[in-house]
Protein backbone atom coordinates (compact mmCIF):
# COMPACT_ATOMS: atom_id res chain seq x y z
CA UNK A 1 315.32 34.93 64.34
CA UNK A 2 313.25 38.07 65.10
CA UNK A 3 313.97 40.03 68.26
CA UNK A 4 311.15 39.71 70.87
CA UNK A 5 309.23 42.96 71.23
CA UNK A 6 309.84 43.24 74.98
CA UNK A 7 313.57 43.04 74.31
CA UNK A 8 313.20 45.60 71.52
CA UNK A 9 311.53 47.95 74.03
CA UNK A 10 314.45 47.58 76.41
CA UNK A 11 317.00 48.15 73.65
CA UNK A 12 315.25 51.28 72.44
CA UNK A 13 314.81 52.59 75.97
CA UNK A 14 311.03 52.82 75.88
CA UNK A 15 310.70 52.43 79.62
CA UNK A 16 313.74 54.56 80.58
CA UNK A 17 312.48 58.11 80.49
CA UNK A 18 314.06 59.65 83.61
CA UNK A 19 314.66 62.97 81.85
CA UNK A 20 311.09 63.97 82.64
CA UNK A 21 310.78 65.70 86.02
CA UNK A 22 307.12 64.65 86.38
CA UNK A 23 307.68 60.89 86.30
CA UNK A 24 306.14 60.31 89.73
CA UNK A 25 302.90 62.10 88.91
CA UNK A 26 301.58 59.23 86.77
CA UNK A 27 301.56 55.54 87.54
CA UNK A 28 303.78 53.17 85.62
CA UNK A 29 301.00 51.92 83.33
CA UNK A 30 300.07 55.46 82.26
CA UNK A 31 303.71 56.36 81.63
CA UNK A 32 304.15 53.22 79.54
CA UNK A 33 301.10 54.12 77.44
CA UNK A 34 302.46 57.60 76.76
CA UNK A 35 305.96 56.25 76.11
CA UNK A 36 304.55 53.69 73.69
CA UNK A 37 302.44 56.30 71.88
CA UNK A 38 305.52 58.48 71.47
CA UNK A 39 307.29 55.87 69.37
CA UNK A 40 305.02 53.00 68.38
CA UNK A 41 305.97 53.30 64.69
CA UNK A 42 309.45 51.97 65.51
CA UNK A 43 307.98 48.49 65.84
CA UNK A 44 307.71 46.27 62.76
CA UNK A 45 304.28 44.83 63.59
CA UNK A 46 300.84 46.51 63.29
CA UNK A 47 300.06 48.90 66.14
CA UNK A 48 297.11 46.97 67.59
CA UNK A 49 299.12 43.76 67.75
CA UNK A 50 302.11 45.57 69.27
CA UNK A 51 299.90 47.14 71.96
CA UNK A 52 298.81 43.69 73.13
CA UNK A 53 302.30 42.23 72.89
CA UNK A 54 304.23 45.08 74.53
CA UNK A 55 301.75 46.54 76.99
CA UNK A 56 299.70 43.43 77.66
CA UNK A 57 296.34 45.18 77.22
CA UNK A 58 293.77 45.23 74.43
CA UNK A 59 293.81 47.99 71.86
CA UNK A 60 290.37 49.14 73.09
CA UNK A 61 291.68 49.50 76.66
CA UNK A 62 294.77 51.29 75.37
CA UNK A 63 292.83 53.87 73.35
CA UNK A 64 290.31 54.40 76.14
CA UNK A 65 293.04 55.11 78.70
CA UNK A 66 295.02 57.21 76.24
CA UNK A 67 291.97 59.40 75.67
CA UNK A 68 291.55 59.79 79.45
CA UNK A 69 295.21 60.74 79.81
CA UNK A 70 294.74 63.66 77.43
CA UNK A 71 292.58 65.34 80.07
CA UNK A 72 295.17 64.99 82.85
CA UNK A 73 297.54 67.88 83.48
CA UNK A 74 300.09 65.38 84.77
CA UNK A 75 300.19 63.66 81.38
CA UNK A 76 300.79 66.99 79.66
CA UNK A 77 303.66 67.74 82.02
CA UNK A 78 305.12 64.24 81.64
CA UNK A 79 305.13 64.23 77.83
CA UNK A 80 303.94 67.58 76.47
CA UNK A 81 304.74 66.95 72.81
CA UNK A 82 302.90 63.65 72.60
CA UNK A 83 299.90 64.95 74.52
CA UNK A 84 299.65 68.14 72.42
CA UNK A 85 299.95 66.12 69.19
CA UNK A 86 297.13 63.83 70.29
CA UNK A 87 294.96 66.73 71.46
CA UNK A 88 295.32 68.34 68.02
CA UNK A 89 294.21 65.09 66.40
CA UNK A 90 291.19 64.84 68.71
CA UNK A 91 290.30 68.50 68.13
CA UNK A 92 290.35 67.94 64.37
CA UNK A 93 288.05 64.96 64.78
CA UNK A 94 290.43 62.48 63.19
């Protein structure tokens, strides 16, 4: 029987990122979006389906908020590698 995605998130520690000193600067939903973006490829299902299943939002809402997060300094301090990677993709027009 396949492991439920929520349980998979807990096993892989997606929502346990206390090593970042800027955790309190973003709300929980924004942190979860950045945490998910950092490692979405670890899930066996397609990304859009996994977004809805794990985060409980539509893919359109996810990408819209993710794009907004790229402009927040707090997001860059919370997860600098993920934010810089995404900014490079946006700058290249991909």
